[in-house]
Amino acid sequence: MRKTDKKIENLIRDVLTEVCEDTLKGYEGFLWVTHTVKFSSFPQSLEIVCVFETNQDRANFLVGEGQQHVSATIRNAFNKVGVQLKNVSKQISYDTRQNRERGYQRK
């Protein structure tokens, strides 16, 4: 990993840690935020996954205004550090531990 890649990774991790801490307080069943990124095409390649405990927790979250709130929180947190996410709806997905333990991911 190049030095610039490490800086980007640290920036992403710091922003998502802050988002995660805020989100944990507000949504039942929310567990963590993870990500993947191709450093050569950051920030367009950044994919963020918000993970919930169960499919029911995820469904309850998606029915309410949680998705809009968390997406806005993530976008705003990256904006504060000078990173513009241009396609938030495609860069953020929602999954569950339940699905991951079964060996597949849902978007």
PDB file of N, CA and C in Angstrom:
ATOM      1  N   MET A   1       0.850  -1.171   0.000  1.00  0.00           N
ATOM      2  CA  MET A   1       0.000   0.000   0.000  1.00  0.00           C
ATOM      3  C   MET A   1       0.901   1.240   0.000  1.00  0.00           C
ATOM      4  N   ARG A   2       0.603   2.141  -0.895  1.00  0.00           N
ATOM      5  CA  ARG A   2       1.378   3.386  -0.969  1.00  0.00           C
ATOM      6  C   ARG A   2       1.014   4.317   0.191  1.00  0.00           C
ATOM      7  N   LYS A   3       1.885   5.264   0.429  1.00  0.00           N
ATOM      8  CA  LYS A   3       1.667   6.227   1.507  1.00  0.00           C
ATOM      9  C   LYS A   3       0.358   6.999   1.304  1.00  0.00           C
ATOM     10  N   THR A   4       0.081   7.404   0.073  1.00  0.00           N
ATOM     11  CA  THR A   4      -1.170   8.137  -0.193  1.00  0.00           C
ATOM     12  C   THR A   4      -2.384   7.236   0.025  1.00  0.00           C
ATOM     13  N   ASP A   5      -2.246   5.943  -0.292  1.00  0.00           N
ATOM     14  CA  ASP A   5      -3.342   4.997  -0.051  1.00  0.00           C
ATOM     15  C   ASP A   5      -3.627   4.874   1.447  1.00  0.00           C
ATOM     16  N   LYS A   6      -2.563   4.836   2.241  1.00  0.00           N
ATOM     17  CA  LYS A   6      -2.736   4.757   3.696  1.00  0.00           C
ATOM     18  C   LYS A   6      -3.448   5.992   4.232  1.00  0.00           C
ATOM     19  N   LYS A   7      -3.112   7.164   3.688  1.00  0.00           N
ATOM     20  CA  LYS A   7      -3.780   8.392   4.119  1.00  0.00           C
ATOM     21  C   LYS A   7      -5.266   8.348   3.788  1.00  0.00           C
ATOM     22  N   ILE A   8      -5.578   7.882   2.591  1.00  0.00           N
ATOM     23  CA  ILE A   8      -6.990   7.761   2.186  1.00  0.00           C
ATOM     24  C   ILE A   8      -7.705   6.766   3.086  1.00  0.00           C
ATOM     25  N   GLU A   9      -7.082   5.625   3.332  1.00  0.00           N
ATOM     26  CA  GLU A   9      -7.689   4.597   4.189  1.00  0.00           C
ATOM     27  C   GLU A   9      -7.945   5.137   5.586  1.00  0.00           C
ATOM     28  N   ASN A  10      -6.984   5.854   6.146  1.00  0.00           N
ATOM     29  CA  ASN A  10      -7.163   6.434   7.476  1.00  0.00           C
ATOM     30  C   ASN A  10      -8.289   7.460   7.487  1.00  0.00           C
ATOM     31  N   LEU A  11      -8.373   8.267   6.453  1.00  0.00           N
ATOM     32  CA  LEU A  11      -9.450   9.258   6.334  1.00  0.00           C
ATOM     33  C   LEU A  11     -10.808   8.561   6.297  1.00  0.00           C
ATOM     34  N   ILE A  12     -10.929   7.556   5.457  1.00  0.00           N
ATOM     35  CA  ILE A  12     -12.191   6.803   5.350  1.00  0.00           C
ATOM     36  C   ILE A  12     -12.548   6.192   6.692  1.00  0.00           C
ATOM     37  N   ARG A  13     -11.590   5.548   7.317  1.00  0.00           N
ATOM     38  CA  ARG A  13     -11.837   4.884   8.598  1.00  0.00           C
ATOM     39  C   ARG A  13     -12.275   5.887   9.667  1.00  0.00           C
ATOM     40  N   ASP A  14     -11.627   7.040   9.720  1.00  0.00           N
ATOM     41  CA  ASP A  14     -12.006   8.063  10.701  1.00  0.00           C
ATOM     42  C   ASP A  14     -13.428   8.561  10.474  1.00  0.00           C
ATOM     43  N   VAL A  15     -13.762   8.847   9.221  1.00  0.00           N
ATOM     44  CA  VAL A  15     -15.104   9.347   8.904  1.00  0.00           C
ATOM     45  C   VAL A  15     -16.149   8.282   9.231  1.00  0.00           C
ATOM     46  N   LEU A  16     -15.910   7.050   8.816  1.00  0.00           N
ATOM     47  CA  LEU A  16     -16.914   6.001   9.044  1.00  0.00           C
ATOM     48  C   LEU A  16     -17.020   5.612  10.514  1.00  0.00           C
ATOM     49  N   THR A  17     -15.949   5.751  11.271  1.00  0.00           N
ATOM     50  CA  THR A  17     -16.025   5.495  12.712  1.00  0.00           C
ATOM     51  C   THR A  17     -16.962   6.499  13.372  1.00  0.00           C
ATOM     52  N   GLU A  18     -16.834   7.752  12.995  1.00  0.00           N
ATOM     53  CA  GLU A  18     -17.715   8.792  13.529  1.00  0.00           C
ATOM     54  C   GLU A  18     -19.176   8.513  13.146  1.00  0.00           C
ATOM     55  N   VAL A  19     -19.397   8.174  11.895  1.00  0.00           N
ATOM     56  CA  VAL A  19     -20.755   7.870  11.426  1.00  0.00           C
ATOM     57  C   VAL A  19     -21.303   6.665  12.180  1.00  0.00           C
ATOM     58  N   CYS A  20     -20.482   5.656  12.350  1.00  0.00           N
ATOM     59  CA  CYS A  20     -20.915   4.441  13.035  1.00  0.00           C
ATOM     60  C   CYS A  20     -21.341   4.736  14.472  1.00  0.00           C
ATOM     61  N   GLU A  21     -20.555   5.514  15.178  1.00  0.00           N
ATOM     62  CA  GLU A  21     -20.878   5.839  16.563  1.00  0.00           C
ATOM     63  C   GLU A  21     -22.212   6.577  16.664  1.00  0.00           C
ATOM     64  N   ASP A  22     -22.467   7.487  15.743  1.00  0.00           N
ATOM     65  CA  ASP A  22     -23.739   8.209  15.738  1.00  0.00           C
ATOM     66  C   ASP A  22     -24.895   7.286  15.378  1.00  0.00           C
ATOM     67  N   THR A  23     -24.680   6.414  14.420  1.00  0.00           N
ATOM     68  CA  THR A  23     -25.748   5.535  13.937  1.00  0.00           C
ATOM     69  C   THR A  23     -26.099   4.470  14.970  1.00  0.00           C
ATOM     70  N   LEU A  24     -25.111   3.996  15.717  1.00  0.00           N
ATOM     71  CA  LEU A  24     -25.371   2.990  16.746  1.00  0.00           C
ATOM     72  C   LEU A  24     -26.409   3.471  17.754  1.00  0.00           C
ATOM     73  N   LYS A  25     -26.400   4.754  18.023  1.00  0.00           N
ATOM     74  CA  LYS A  25     -27.316   5.326  19.013  1.00  0.00           C
ATOM     75  C   LYS A  25     -28.751   5.403  18.505  1.00  0.00           C
ATOM     76  N   GLY A  26     -28.927   5.492  17.192  1.00  0.00           N
ATOM     77  CA  GLY A  26     -30.240   5.811  16.675  1.00  0.00           C
ATOM     78  C   GLY A  26     -31.038   4.708  16.027  1.00  0.00           C
ATOM     79  N   TYR A  27     -30.417   3.551  15.755  1.00  0.00           N
ATOM     80  CA  TYR A  27     -31.138   2.532  14.987  1.00  0.00           C
ATOM     81  C   TYR A  27     -30.943   1.151  15.603  1.00  0.00           C
ATOM     82  N   GLU A  28     -32.036   0.555  15.995  1.00  0.00           N
ATOM     83  CA  GLU A  28     -31.999  -0.756  16.615  1.00  0.00           C
ATOM     84  C   GLU A  28     -31.461  -1.796  15.638  1.00  0.00           C
ATOM     85  N   GLY A  29     -30.557  -2.595  16.134  1.00  0.00           N
ATOM     86  CA  GLY A  29     -29.995  -3.669  15.329  1.00  0.00           C
ATOM     87  C   GLY A  29     -28.815  -3.258  14.476  1.00  0.00           C
ATOM     88  N   PHE A  30     -28.498  -1.966  14.439  1.00  0.00           N
ATOM     89  CA  PHE A  30     -27.341  -1.530  13.660  1.00  0.00           C
ATOM     90  C   PHE A  30     -26.078  -1.985  14.370  1.00  0.00           C
ATOM     91  N   LEU A  31     -25.125  -2.547  13.600  1.00  0.00           N
ATOM     92  CA  LEU A  31     -23.903  -3.074  14.201  1.00  0.00           C
ATOM     93  C   LEU A  31     -22.646  -2.308  13.818  1.00  0.00           C
ATOM     94  N   TRP A  32     -22.392  -2.148  12.518  1.00  0.00           N
ATOM     95  CA  TRP A  32     -21.159  -1.509  12.088  1.00  0.00           C
ATOM     96  C   TRP A  32     -21.256  -1.027  10.648  1.00  0.00           C
ATOM     97  N   VAL A  33     -20.234  -0.265  10.256  1.00  0.00           N
ATOM     98  CA  VAL A  33     -20.088   0.205   8.880  1.00  0.00           C
ATOM     99  C   VAL A  33     -18.752  -0.333   8.378  1.00  0.00           C
ATOM    100  N   THR A  34     -18.747  -0.827   7.163  1.00  0.00           N
ATOM    101  CA  THR A  34     -17.513  -1.285   6.549  1.00  0.00           C
ATOM    102  C   THR A  34     -17.420  -0.689   5.145  1.00  0.00           C
ATOM    103  N   HIS A  35     -16.305  -0.916   4.494  1.00  0.00           N
ATOM    104  CA  HIS A  35     -16.138  -0.324   3.159  1.00  0.00           C
ATOM    105  C   HIS A  35     -15.128  -1.101   2.327  1.00  0.00           C
ATOM    106  N   THR A  36     -15.191  -0.859   1.030  1.00  0.00           N
ATOM    107  CA  THR A  36     -14.156  -1.281   0.094  1.00  0.00           C
ATOM    108  C   THR A  36     -13.831  -0.070  -0.763  1.00  0.00           C
ATOM    109  N   VAL A  37     -12.622  -0.034  -1.274  1.00  0.00           N
ATOM    110  CA  VAL A  37     -12.220   1.095  -2.109  1.00  0.00           C
ATOM    111  C   VAL A  37     -11.096   0.670  -3.040  1.00  0.00           C
ATOM    112  N   LYS A  38     -11.120   1.197  -4.226  1.00  0.00           N
ATOM    113  CA  LYS A  38      -9.997   1.076  -5.155  1.00  0.00           C
ATOM    114  C   LYS A  38      -9.321   2.442  -5.110  1.00  0.00           C
ATOM    115  N   PHE A  39      -8.148   2.494  -4.499  1.00  0.00           N
ATOM    116  CA  PHE A  39      -7.502   3.776  -4.219  1.00  0.00           C
ATOM    117  C   PHE A  39      -7.244   4.597  -5.474  1.00  0.00           C
ATOM    118  N   SER A  40      -6.981   3.938  -6.585  1.00  0.00           N
ATOM    119  CA  SER A  40      -6.669   4.671  -7.816  1.00  0.00           C
ATOM    120  C   SER A  40      -7.864   5.448  -8.357  1.00  0.00           C
ATOM    121  N   SER A  41      -9.069   5.090  -7.906  1.00  0.00           N
ATOM    122  CA  SER A  41     -10.255   5.813  -8.381  1.00  0.00           C
ATOM    123  C   SER A  41     -11.137   6.286  -7.220  1.00  0.00           C
ATOM    124  N   PHE A  42     -10.500   6.632  -6.113  1.00  0.00           N
ATOM    125  CA  PHE A  42     -11.207   7.197  -4.969  1.00  0.00           C
ATOM    126  C   PHE A  42     -11.594   8.645  -5.287  1.00  0.00           C
ATOM    127  N   PRO A  43     -12.760   9.124  -4.962  1.00  0.00           N
ATOM    128  CA  PRO A  43     -13.798   8.544  -4.128  1.00  0.00           C
ATOM    129  C   PRO A  43     -14.889   7.792  -4.905  1.00  0.00           C
ATOM    130  N   GLN A  44     -14.829   7.789  -6.225  1.00  0.00           N
ATOM    131  CA  GLN A  44     -15.883   7.133  -7.007  1.00  0.00           C
ATOM    132  C   GLN A  44     -15.991   5.638  -6.699  1.00  0.00           C
ATOM    133  N   SER A  45     -14.879   5.007  -6.370  1.00  0.00           N
ATOM    134  CA  SER A  45     -14.882   3.562  -6.137  1.00  0.00           C
ATOM    135  C   SER A  45     -15.277   3.178  -4.710  1.00  0.00           C
ATOM    136  N   LEU A  46     -15.437   4.147  -3.840  1.00  0.00           N
ATOM    137  CA  LEU A  46     -15.762   3.863  -2.450  1.00  0.00           C
ATOM    138  C   LEU A  46     -17.145   3.229  -2.347  1.00  0.00           C
ATOM    139  N   GLU A  47     -17.196   2.070  -1.720  1.00  0.00           N
ATOM    140  CA  GLU A  47     -18.462   1.393  -1.443  1.00  0.00           C
ATOM    141  C   GLU A  47     -18.566   1.195   0.061  1.00  0.00           C
ATOM    142  N   ILE A  48     -19.661   1.656   0.617  1.00  0.00           N
ATOM    143  CA  ILE A  48     -19.892   1.619   2.059  1.00  0.00           C
ATOM    144  C   ILE A  48     -21.043   0.669   2.327  1.00  0.00           C
ATOM    145  N   VAL A  49     -20.881  -0.190   3.338  1.00  0.00           N
ATOM    146  CA  VAL A  49     -21.939  -1.128   3.715  1.00  0.00           C
ATOM    147  C   VAL A  49     -22.267  -0.922   5.187  1.00  0.00           C
ATOM    148  N   CYS A  50     -23.527  -0.638   5.451  1.00  0.00           N
ATOM    149  CA  CYS A  50     -24.031  -0.535   6.822  1.00  0.00           C
ATOM    150  C   CYS A  50     -24.623  -1.896   7.173  1.00  0.00           C
ATOM    151  N   VAL A  51     -24.150  -2.477   8.265  1.00  0.00           N
ATOM    152  CA  VAL A  51     -24.532  -3.843   8.616  1.00  0.00           C
ATOM    153  C   VAL A  51     -25.436  -3.836   9.848  1.00  0.00           C
ATOM    154  N   PHE A  52     -26.547  -4.555   9.724  1.00  0.00           N
ATOM    155  CA  PHE A  52     -27.509  -4.735  10.807  1.00  0.00           C
ATOM    156  C   PHE A  52     -27.453  -6.179  11.298  1.00  0.00           C
ATOM    157  N   GLU A  53     -28.004  -6.417  12.475  1.00  0.00           N
ATOM    158  CA  GLU A  53     -27.992  -7.759  13.065  1.00  0.00           C
ATOM    159  C   GLU A  53     -28.824  -8.739  12.231  1.00  0.00           C
ATOM    160  N   THR A  54     -30.088  -8.380  12.000  1.00  0.00           N
ATOM    161  CA  THR A  54     -30.993  -9.312  11.324  1.00  0.00           C
ATOM    162  C   THR A  54     -31.635  -8.665  10.104  1.00  0.00           C
ATOM    163  N   ASN A  55     -32.231  -9.493   9.274  1.00  0.00           N
ATOM    164  CA  ASN A  55     -32.966  -8.983   8.120  1.00  0.00           C
ATOM    165  C   ASN A  55     -34.151  -8.131   8.570  1.00  0.00           C
ATOM    166  N   GLN A  56     -34.757  -8.473   9.692  1.00  0.00           N
ATOM    167  CA  GLN A  56     -35.877  -7.684  10.207  1.00  0.00           C
ATOM    168  C   GLN A  56     -35.401  -6.300  10.654  1.00  0.00           C
ATOM    169  N   ASP A  57     -34.259  -6.232  11.326  1.00  0.00           N
ATOM    170  CA  ASP A  57     -33.699  -4.928  11.720  1.00  0.00           C
ATOM    171  C   ASP A  57     -33.453  -4.065  10.487  1.00  0.00           C
ATOM    172  N   ARG A  58     -32.894  -4.662   9.455  1.00  0.00           N
ATOM    173  CA  ARG A  58     -32.623  -3.940   8.201  1.00  0.00           C
ATOM    174  C   ARG A  58     -33.927  -3.474   7.570  1.00  0.00           C
ATOM    175  N   ALA A  59     -34.919  -4.344   7.530  1.00  0.00           N
ATOM    176  CA  ALA A  59     -36.219  -3.999   6.940  1.00  0.00           C
ATOM    177  C   ALA A  59     -36.865  -2.848   7.699  1.00  0.00           C
ATOM    178  N   ASN A  60     -36.824  -2.898   9.023  1.00  0.00           N
ATOM    179  CA  ASN A  60     -37.399  -1.817   9.836  1.00  0.00           C
ATOM    180  C   ASN A  60     -36.684  -0.493   9.547  1.00  0.00           C
ATOM    181  N   PHE A  61     -35.385  -0.546   9.405  1.00  0.00           N
ATOM    182  CA  PHE A  61     -34.590   0.637   9.102  1.00  0.00           C
ATOM    183  C   PHE A  61     -34.973   1.208   7.734  1.00  0.00           C
ATOM    184  N   LEU A  62     -35.102   0.351   6.744  1.00  0.00           N
ATOM    185  CA  LEU A  62     -35.389   0.803   5.380  1.00  0.00           C
ATOM    186  C   LEU A  62     -36.805   1.341   5.218  1.00  0.00           C
ATOM    187  N   VAL A  63     -37.745   0.889   6.046  1.00  0.00           N
ATOM    188  CA  VAL A  63     -39.127   1.362   5.978  1.00  0.00           C
ATOM    189  C   VAL A  63     -39.241   2.802   6.455  1.00  0.00           C
ATOM    190  N   GLY A  64     -38.466   3.150   7.449  1.00  0.00           N
ATOM    191  CA  GLY A  64     -38.518   4.508   7.995  1.00  0.00           C
ATOM    192  C   GLY A  64     -37.636   5.446   7.195  1.00  0.00           C
ATOM    193  N   GLU A  65     -37.264   6.538   7.826  1.00  0.00           N
ATOM    194  CA  GLU A  65     -36.422   7.530   7.176  1.00  0.00           C
ATOM    195  C   GLU A  65     -34.945   7.317   7.479  1.00  0.00           C
ATOM    196  N   GLY A  66     -34.622   6.173   8.066  1.00  0.00           N
ATOM    197  CA  GLY A  66     -33.248   5.891   8.446  1.00  0.00           C
ATOM    198  C   GLY A  66     -32.272   5.930   7.296  1.00  0.00           C
ATOM    199  N   GLN A  67     -32.657   5.336   6.171  1.00  0.00           N
ATOM    200  CA  GLN A  67     -31.763   5.282   5.019  1.00  0.00           C
ATOM    201  C   GLN A  67     -31.396   6.690   4.549  1.00  0.00           C
ATOM    202  N   GLN A  68     -32.382   7.564   4.458  1.00  0.00           N
ATOM    203  CA  GLN A  68     -32.111   8.937   4.034  1.00  0.00           C
ATOM    204  C   GLN A  68     -31.217   9.652   5.041  1.00  0.00           C
ATOM    205  N   HIS A  69     -31.494   9.428   6.318  1.00  0.00           N
ATOM    206  CA  HIS A  69     -30.718  10.085   7.371  1.00  0.00           C
ATOM    207  C   HIS A  69     -29.272   9.612   7.374  1.00  0.00           C
ATOM    208  N   VAL A  70     -29.051   8.308   7.317  1.00  0.00           N
ATOM    209  CA  VAL A  70     -27.694   7.779   7.357  1.00  0.00           C
ATOM    210  C   VAL A  70     -26.936   8.168   6.090  1.00  0.00           C
ATOM    211  N   SER A  71     -27.591   8.115   4.940  1.00  0.00           N
ATOM    212  CA  SER A  71     -26.939   8.531   3.689  1.00  0.00           C
ATOM    213  C   SER A  71     -26.495   9.987   3.774  1.00  0.00           C
ATOM    214  N   ALA A  72     -27.369  10.843   4.286  1.00  0.00           N
ATOM    215  CA  ALA A  72     -27.031  12.266   4.432  1.00  0.00           C
ATOM    216  C   ALA A  72     -25.899  12.445   5.441  1.00  0.00           C
ATOM    217  N   THR A  73     -25.929  11.686   6.518  1.00  0.00           N
ATOM    218  CA  THR A  73     -24.872  11.768   7.527  1.00  0.00           C
ATOM    219  C   THR A  73     -23.523  11.380   6.933  1.00  0.00           C
ATOM    220  N   ILE A  74     -23.505  10.310   6.148  1.00  0.00           N
ATOM    221  CA  ILE A  74     -22.264   9.867   5.512  1.00  0.00           C
ATOM    222  C   ILE A  74     -21.777  10.915   4.511  1.00  0.00           C
ATOM    223  N   ARG A  75     -22.677  11.382   3.669  1.00  0.00           N
ATOM    224  CA  ARG A  75     -22.306  12.400   2.673  1.00  0.00           C
ATOM    225  C   ARG A  75     -21.755  13.649   3.359  1.00  0.00           C
ATOM    226  N   ASN A  76     -22.431  14.125   4.403  1.00  0.00           N
ATOM    227  CA  ASN A  76     -21.993  15.329   5.119  1.00  0.00           C
ATOM    228  C   ASN A  76     -20.653  15.124   5.817  1.00  0.00           C
ATOM    229  N   ALA A  77     -20.453  13.939   6.387  1.00  0.00           N
ATOM    230  CA  ALA A  77     -19.187  13.657   7.071  1.00  0.00           C
ATOM    231  C   ALA A  77     -18.023  13.672   6.088  1.00  0.00           C
ATOM    232  N   PHE A  78     -18.234  13.120   4.904  1.00  0.00           N
ATOM    233  CA  PHE A  78     -17.170  13.167   3.900  1.00  0.00           C
ATOM    234  C   PHE A  78     -16.985  14.585   3.365  1.00  0.00           C
ATOM    235  N   ASN A  79     -18.072  15.317   3.207  1.00  0.00           N
ATOM    236  CA  ASN A  79     -17.949  16.718   2.753  1.00  0.00           C
ATOM    237  C   ASN A  79     -17.092  17.535   3.715  1.00  0.00           C
ATOM    238  N   LYS A  80     -17.236  17.294   5.017  1.00  0.00           N
ATOM    239  CA  LYS A  80     -16.468  18.044   6.024  1.00  0.00           C
ATOM    240  C   LYS A  80     -14.964  17.866   5.853  1.00  0.00           C
ATOM    241  N   VAL A  81     -14.558  16.710   5.304  1.00  0.00           N
ATOM    242  CA  VAL A  81     -13.124  16.464   5.119  1.00  0.00           C
ATOM    243  C   VAL A  81     -12.702  16.664   3.663  1.00  0.00           C
ATOM    244  N   GLY A  82     -13.588  17.288   2.882  1.00  0.00           N
ATOM    245  CA  GLY A  82     -13.248  17.644   1.509  1.00  0.00           C
ATOM    246  C   GLY A  82     -13.418  16.550   0.473  1.00  0.00           C
ATOM    247  N   VAL A  83     -14.203  15.532   0.792  1.00  0.00           N
ATOM    248  CA  VAL A  83     -14.433  14.428  -0.144  1.00  0.00           C
ATOM    249  C   VAL A  83     -15.900  14.443  -0.568  1.00  0.00           C
ATOM    250  N   GLN A  84     -16.122  14.561  -1.869  1.00  0.00           N
ATOM    251  CA  GLN A  84     -17.487  14.598  -2.396  1.00  0.00           C
ATOM    252  C   GLN A  84     -17.878  13.227  -2.931  1.00  0.00           C
ATOM    253  N   LEU A  85     -18.931  12.659  -2.359  1.00  0.00           N
ATOM    254  CA  LEU A  85     -19.492  11.412  -2.878  1.00  0.00           C
ATOM    255  C   LEU A  85     -20.588  11.804  -3.852  1.00  0.00           C
ATOM    256  N   LYS A  86     -20.397  11.491  -5.107  1.00  0.00           N
ATOM    257  CA  LYS A  86     -21.316  11.970  -6.131  1.00  0.00           C
ATOM    258  C   LYS A  86     -22.529  11.083  -6.340  1.00  0.00           C
ATOM    259  N   ASN A  87     -22.428   9.807  -5.989  1.00  0.00           N
ATOM    260  CA  ASN A  87     -23.536   8.892  -6.220  1.00  0.00           C
ATOM    261  C   ASN A  87     -23.820   8.086  -4.955  1.00  0.00           C
ATOM    262  N   VAL A  88     -24.208   8.782  -3.916  1.00  0.00           N
ATOM    263  CA  VAL A  88     -24.399   8.184  -2.594  1.00  0.00           C
ATOM    264  C   VAL A  88     -25.344   6.982  -2.644  1.00  0.00           C
ATOM    265  N   SER A  89     -26.405   7.071  -3.412  1.00  0.00           N
ATOM    266  CA  SER A  89     -27.381   5.967  -3.433  1.00  0.00           C
ATOM    267  C   SER A  89     -26.772   4.671  -3.968  1.00  0.00           C
ATOM    268  N   LYS A  90     -25.758   4.775  -4.804  1.00  0.00           N
ATOM    269  CA  LYS A  90     -25.102   3.571  -5.322  1.00  0.00           C
ATOM    270  C   LYS A  90     -23.862   3.196  -4.508  1.00  0.00           C
ATOM    271  N   GLN A  91     -23.351   4.124  -3.738  1.00  0.00           N
ATOM    272  CA  GLN A  91     -22.134   3.864  -2.975  1.00  0.00           C
ATOM    273  C   GLN A  91     -22.411   3.339  -1.571  1.00  0.00           C
ATOM    274  N   ILE A  92     -23.660   3.421  -1.125  1.00  0.00           N
ATOM    275  CA  ILE A  92     -24.019   2.940   0.205  1.00  0.00           C
ATOM    276  C   ILE A  92     -25.038   1.829   0.064  1.00  0.00           C
ATOM    277  N   SER A  93     -24.764   0.709   0.725  1.00  0.00           N
ATOM    278  CA  SER A  93     -25.720  -0.396   0.729  1.00  0.00           C
ATOM    279  C   SER A  93     -25.950  -0.857   2.167  1.00  0.00           C
ATOM    280  N   TYR A  94     -26.918  -1.720   2.344  1.00  0.00           N
ATOM    281  CA  TYR A  94     -27.333  -2.165   3.671  1.00  0.00           C
ATOM    282  C   TYR A  94     -27.415  -3.685   3.669  1.00  0.00           C
ATOM    283  N   ASP A  95     -26.757  -4.292   4.643  1.00  0.00           N
ATOM    284  CA  ASP A  95     -26.678  -5.749   4.718  1.00  0.00           C
ATOM    285  C   ASP A  95     -26.929  -6.165   6.166  1.00  0.00           C
ATOM    286  N   THR A  96     -26.882  -7.464   6.407  1.00  0.00           N
ATOM    287  CA  THR A  96     -27.077  -7.963   7.765  1.00  0.00           C
ATOM    288  C   THR A  96     -26.022  -9.011   8.101  1.00  0.00           C
ATOM    289  N   ARG A  97     -25.773  -9.143   9.382  1.00  0.00           N
ATOM    290  CA  ARG A  97     -24.885 -10.208   9.846  1.00  0.00           C
ATOM    291  C   ARG A  97     -25.505 -11.545   9.479  1.00  0.00           C
ATOM    292  N   GLN A  98     -26.801 -11.603   9.588  1.00  0.00           N
ATOM    293  CA  GLN A  98     -27.538 -12.814   9.257  1.00  0.00           C
ATOM    294  C   GLN A  98     -27.210 -13.264   7.827  1.00  0.00           C
ATOM    295  N   ASN A  99     -27.233 -12.347   6.871  1.00  0.00           N
ATOM    296  CA  ASN A  99     -26.911 -12.681   5.485  1.00  0.00           C
ATOM    297  C   ASN A  99     -25.438 -13.041   5.326  1.00  0.00           C
ATOM    298  N   ARG A 100     -24.572 -12.281   5.964  1.00  0.00           N
ATOM    299  CA  ARG A 100     -23.140 -12.513   5.829  1.00  0.00           C
ATOM    300  C   ARG A 100     -22.760 -13.879   6.386  1.00  0.00           C
ATOM    301  N   GLU A 101     -23.410 -14.303   7.452  1.00  0.00           N
ATOM    302  CA  GLU A 101     -23.131 -15.614   8.015  1.00  0.00           C
ATOM    303  C   GLU A 101     -23.609 -16.728   7.094  1.00  0.00           C
ATOM    304  N   ARG A 102     -24.584 -16.431   6.271  1.00  0.00           N
ATOM    305  CA  ARG A 102     -25.065 -17.408   5.289  1.00  0.00           C
ATOM    306  C   ARG A 102     -24.194 -17.434   4.043  1.00  0.00           C
ATOM    307  N   GLY A 103     -23.284 -16.450   3.930  1.00  0.00           N
ATOM    308  CA  GLY A 103     -22.338 -16.471   2.828  1.00  0.00           C
ATOM    309  C   GLY A 103     -22.707 -15.659   1.616  1.00  0.00           C
ATOM    310  N   TYR A 104     -23.663 -14.751   1.767  1.00  0.00           N
ATOM    311  CA  TYR A 104     -23.967 -13.850   0.647  1.00  0.00           C
ATOM    312  C   TYR A 104     -24.251 -12.464   1.181  1.00  0.00           C
ATOM    313  N   GLN A 105     -24.200 -11.500   0.268  1.00  0.00           N
ATOM    314  CA  GLN A 105     -24.458 -10.120   0.635  1.00  0.00           C
ATOM    315  C   GLN A 105     -25.654  -9.604  -0.148  1.00  0.00           C
ATOM    316  N   ARG A 106     -26.433  -8.738   0.510  1.00  0.00           N
ATOM    317  CA  ARG A 106     -27.566  -8.088  -0.142  1.00  0.00           C
ATOM    318  C   ARG A 106     -27.262  -6.625  -0.272  1.00  0.00           C
ATOM    319  N   LYS A 107     -27.685  -6.052  -1.353  1.00  0.00           N
ATOM    320  CA  LYS A 107     -27.516  -4.617  -1.548  1.00  0.00           C
ATOM    321  C   LYS A 107     -28.852  -3.952  -1.532  1.00  0.00           C
TER     322      LYS A 107
END
